[in-house]
Structure formats: C-alpha cells, structure tokens
C-alpha cells in the first residue's frame, strides 16, 4: 500500500516540476533514507519472531519426547516406613463390686441435641421463643473453612464465632448454616 502512495506522490511531483509549487505540493521523500528504517524494522520483527518461536518449538518437541517427559515428572516422595504398633496398655485393675458405693449414679448421657441438627420448627417451644432475631445479610462459602463467613445483623462472623449470649455459629454450608443455642444445634437457610 505504501509503495502505491509513494508512486502517486512521485508522479504528482514530476507533473508539478517546472511549475511554481503551491500549498498542496508535496515534496518527494528521498529514497535512500526510507530504505534503512524499513530494513531495520524488518530485522527486528524477524528477530522477535524467531526469539518466540524457538522456545515454543522446543517446548512442543520436548513434550512429544517420552524420555524428556518422564524426566520432567517429579517422583512422588518416599513414604515413611510404618511405625511398629505400641505395646498394648496393661489392663486396668477393677475394683470389686462391693467397693462401689450404692448411692453413686452412672453419669448422665450427653443430650441427643449435641449430634442432631434440628430444623427451626422442630426446636422446643421455649427454645424457639428465646432465640434472638437474626437477619442474614449474606454469606461466602469456600472449600477452605477459614475462608467462609456469614453476615448476621450487619456483622461478619466466621465458623465457631459467638453471635450472642448462648448462641454460636457452628458451621457455614453452601445454602444454610448450623447454629447452636443452649445445647441445641439447628439449621437456618438463606
């Protein structure tokens, strides 16, 4: 395209030779000065292209070579030898049945509320009435528990944080959260 424009300029300048130059007359650029910058630019383009193509070709050819591909794969770390099992602990000496006082009661079992997660409507009435009003503003769930958070009543809370007296945030899930109030674990959805 530039060769055509240069030829048109030269033709115009030859036609105008012999006449008085006017405001629209364009001087013909010298031919020798234009040739050098074009050659320099061409050499720069060729050099950069080769500089990019050589590592690319090396990478593609190295990926096809199984010897290089095997060498590039790191070996898994050696697994430590299994430890020998510790010797069994000696059996505790049991006291005779007569030594246990008759008035001792067995310890009370842990309430079932610890392991079960209730729906809000399954909680006992007196617990439901005591629950504080919660407004969920948003949440972020992540595979990493440290990156999860829940916005409750305008404040940011993470798992295991205390929201208010007797109320704590146990776990944040994708679309719900598990809260614990006075030993009862219950889920809220958002």
Protein backbone atom coordinates (compact mmCIF):
# COMPACT_ATOMS: atom_id res chain seq x y z
CA UNK A 1 0.00 0.00 0.00
CA UNK A 2 2.82 2.43 0.84
CA UNK A 3 4.52 1.66 -2.49
CA UNK A 4 1.41 2.78 -4.33
CA UNK A 5 1.19 6.00 -2.31
CA UNK A 6 4.89 6.71 -2.91
CA UNK A 7 4.43 6.18 -6.66
CA UNK A 8 1.45 8.56 -6.72
CA UNK A 9 3.44 11.21 -4.83
CA UNK A 10 6.35 10.92 -7.25
CA UNK A 11 4.00 11.19 -10.23
CA UNK A 12 2.41 14.33 -8.74
CA UNK A 13 5.81 15.87 -8.03
CA UNK A 14 7.02 15.17 -11.61
CA UNK A 15 3.90 16.76 -13.04
CA UNK A 16 4.41 19.76 -10.83
CA UNK A 17 8.13 20.07 -11.78
CA UNK A 18 8.51 23.13 -13.87
CA UNK A 19 5.52 24.85 -12.37
CA UNK A 20 5.55 27.01 -9.30
CA UNK A 21 4.88 24.98 -6.14
CA UNK A 22 1.62 25.74 -4.42
CA UNK A 23 0.27 24.99 -0.98
CA UNK A 24 -0.74 21.44 -1.98
CA UNK A 25 2.61 20.46 -3.42
CA UNK A 26 4.23 17.57 -1.57
CA UNK A 27 7.97 17.12 -1.61
CA UNK A 28 9.23 13.74 -2.78
CA UNK A 29 10.95 11.92 0.10
CA UNK A 30 14.50 10.77 -0.51
CA UNK A 31 14.63 7.09 -1.45
CA UNK A 32 17.85 6.23 0.40
CA UNK A 33 16.69 7.42 3.84
CA UNK A 34 13.41 5.43 3.73
CA UNK A 35 15.07 2.13 2.88
CA UNK A 36 17.17 1.85 6.05
CA UNK A 37 14.39 2.21 8.67
CA UNK A 38 12.24 -0.32 6.83
CA UNK A 39 15.09 -2.84 6.81
CA UNK A 40 15.76 -2.25 10.50
CA UNK A 41 12.12 -2.77 11.36
CA UNK A 42 12.02 -5.95 9.27
CA UNK A 43 15.09 -7.33 11.05
CA UNK A 44 13.57 -6.51 14.45
CA UNK A 45 10.33 -8.30 13.55
CA UNK A 46 12.24 -11.34 12.27
CA UNK A 47 14.43 -11.43 15.41
CA UNK A 48 11.49 -11.20 17.82
CA UNK A 49 9.57 -13.85 15.87
CA UNK A 50 12.50 -16.26 15.99
CA UNK A 51 13.03 -15.49 19.66
CA UNK A 52 9.44 -16.52 20.38
CA UNK A 53 9.28 -19.48 18.00
CA UNK A 54 12.42 -21.27 19.22
CA UNK A 55 11.26 -21.78 22.84
CA UNK A 56 7.78 -22.70 21.62
CA UNK A 57 9.16 -25.33 19.24
CA UNK A 58 11.48 -26.66 21.94
CA UNK A 59 8.57 -26.96 24.37
CA UNK A 60 6.35 -28.73 21.82
CA UNK A 61 9.10 -31.14 20.75
CA UNK A 62 10.12 -31.86 24.35
CA UNK A 63 6.52 -32.74 25.23
CA UNK A 64 6.46 -35.38 22.46
CA UNK A 65 9.74 -36.97 23.57
CA UNK A 66 8.88 -39.63 26.22
CA UNK A 67 12.39 -39.57 27.72
CA UNK A 68 12.13 -35.84 28.41
CA UNK A 69 8.50 -36.10 29.54
CA UNK A 70 9.37 -38.80 32.09
CA UNK A 71 12.29 -36.77 33.38
CA UNK A 72 10.04 -33.73 33.83
CA UNK A 73 7.56 -35.59 36.05
CA UNK A 74 8.69 -35.36 39.67
CA UNK A 75 8.82 -38.59 41.57
CA UNK A 76 6.41 -38.91 44.48
CA UNK A 77 8.04 -38.52 47.88
CA UNK A 78 9.07 -41.72 49.53
CA UNK A 79 6.56 -42.92 52.07
CA UNK A 80 7.99 -43.44 55.53
CA UNK A 81 8.18 -46.97 56.86
CA UNK A 82 5.19 -47.84 59.03
CA UNK A 83 5.81 -47.44 62.71
CA UNK A 84 5.52 -50.51 64.86
CA UNK A 85 2.38 -50.58 66.96
CA UNK A 86 2.94 -49.53 70.57
CA UNK A 87 2.71 -52.31 73.11
CA UNK A 88 -0.78 -52.80 74.48
CA UNK A 89 -1.55 -50.92 77.67
CA UNK A 90 -1.91 -53.06 80.77
CA UNK A 91 -5.48 -53.89 81.68
CA UNK A 92 -6.84 -51.68 84.46
CA UNK A 93 -7.36 -53.32 87.78
CA UNK A 94 -11.03 -53.45 88.52
CA UNK A 95 -12.29 -52.86 92.00
CA UNK A 96 -14.63 -55.43 93.45
CA UNK A 97 -18.33 -54.63 93.12
CA UNK A 98 -18.67 -54.14 96.86
CA UNK A 99 -16.23 -51.17 96.77
CA UNK A 100 -18.57 -49.03 94.63
CA UNK A 101 -20.99 -47.14 96.86
CA UNK A 102 -24.64 -47.97 96.31
CA UNK A 103 -25.66 -44.28 96.11
CA UNK A 104 -23.40 -43.48 93.09
CA UNK A 105 -25.37 -42.97 89.89
CA UNK A 106 -23.91 -43.53 86.46
CA UNK A 107 -23.06 -40.32 84.60
CA UNK A 108 -25.90 -38.84 82.59
CA UNK A 109 -25.58 -39.46 78.84
CA UNK A 110 -24.89 -36.47 76.63
CA UNK A 111 -28.09 -34.92 75.32
CA UNK A 112 -29.14 -36.03 71.87
CA UNK A 113 -29.29 -32.35 70.91
CA UNK A 114 -25.47 -32.31 70.51
CA UNK A 115 -25.38 -34.62 67.49
CA UNK A 116 -28.73 -33.92 65.85
CA UNK A 117 -29.34 -30.85 63.73
CA UNK A 118 -32.90 -29.63 64.17
CA UNK A 119 -34.97 -27.60 61.79
CA UNK A 120 -36.09 -24.33 63.34
CA UNK A 121 -39.68 -25.55 63.69
CA UNK A 122 -38.52 -28.78 65.42
CA UNK A 123 -36.98 -26.95 68.37
CA UNK A 124 -38.91 -26.96 71.68
CA UNK A 125 -41.26 -24.02 72.08
CA UNK A 126 -39.40 -22.45 74.99
CA UNK A 127 -36.12 -22.53 72.99
CA UNK A 128 -37.76 -21.02 69.91
CA UNK A 129 -39.17 -18.15 71.98
CA UNK A 130 -35.74 -17.42 73.47
CA UNK A 131 -33.87 -17.35 70.14
CA UNK A 132 -32.64 -13.88 69.18
CA UNK A 133 -33.87 -12.30 65.96
CA UNK A 134 -31.31 -12.92 63.18
CA UNK A 135 -31.12 -11.14 59.85
CA UNK A 136 -28.79 -12.81 57.35
CA UNK A 137 -27.14 -10.22 55.09
CA UNK A 138 -25.02 -12.59 53.00
CA UNK A 139 -22.51 -15.38 53.10
CA UNK A 140 -19.44 -16.77 51.42
CA UNK A 141 -18.85 -20.50 51.16
CA UNK A 142 -15.46 -21.99 50.36
CA UNK A 143 -13.90 -25.44 50.44
CA UNK A 144 -11.48 -23.94 52.95
CA UNK A 145 -13.36 -23.44 56.28
CA UNK A 146 -11.13 -20.48 57.17
CA UNK A 147 -12.45 -18.58 54.13
CA UNK A 148 -16.15 -18.99 54.98
CA UNK A 149 -18.13 -16.19 56.59
CA UNK A 150 -21.72 -15.18 57.32
CA UNK A 151 -23.10 -11.67 57.72
CA UNK A 152 -25.64 -11.68 60.58
CA UNK A 153 -27.38 -8.49 61.72
CA UNK A 154 -24.81 -6.47 59.76
CA UNK A 155 -21.75 -8.10 61.37
CA UNK A 156 -19.29 -10.56 59.85
CA UNK A 157 -18.92 -13.93 61.61
CA UNK A 158 -16.82 -16.99 60.89
CA UNK A 159 -17.35 -20.60 61.97
CA UNK A 160 -17.11 -21.18 65.76
CA UNK A 161 -17.79 -17.46 66.49
CA UNK A 162 -20.25 -16.42 69.20
CA UNK A 163 -23.16 -14.40 67.79
CA UNK A 164 -24.74 -13.54 71.15
CA UNK A 165 -25.07 -15.00 74.64
CA UNK A 166 -25.60 -18.79 74.37
CA UNK A 167 -25.70 -18.60 70.53
CA UNK A 168 -22.75 -19.64 68.38
CA UNK A 169 -22.15 -20.30 64.69
CA UNK A 170 -21.11 -23.94 64.35
CA UNK A 171 -20.80 -24.44 60.58
CA UNK A 172 -21.38 -22.50 57.35
CA UNK A 173 -22.65 -24.57 54.44
CA UNK A 174 -23.46 -23.67 50.85
CA UNK A 175 -27.07 -22.54 51.40
CA UNK A 176 -27.54 -22.91 55.15
CA UNK A 177 -25.75 -22.53 58.46
CA UNK A 178 -25.73 -24.58 61.65
CA UNK A 179 -26.18 -22.61 64.87
CA UNK A 180 -26.02 -23.82 68.48
CA UNK A 181 -28.22 -22.39 71.22
CA UNK A 182 -28.20 -23.86 74.75
CA UNK A 183 -27.02 -27.26 73.52
CA UNK A 184 -29.46 -27.46 70.59
CA UNK A 185 -27.96 -27.44 67.11
CA UNK A 186 -30.32 -26.11 64.43
CA UNK A 187 -30.05 -25.10 60.79
CA UNK A 188 -31.14 -21.88 59.15
CA UNK A 189 -31.38 -21.47 55.41
CA UNK A 190 -30.65 -18.34 53.42
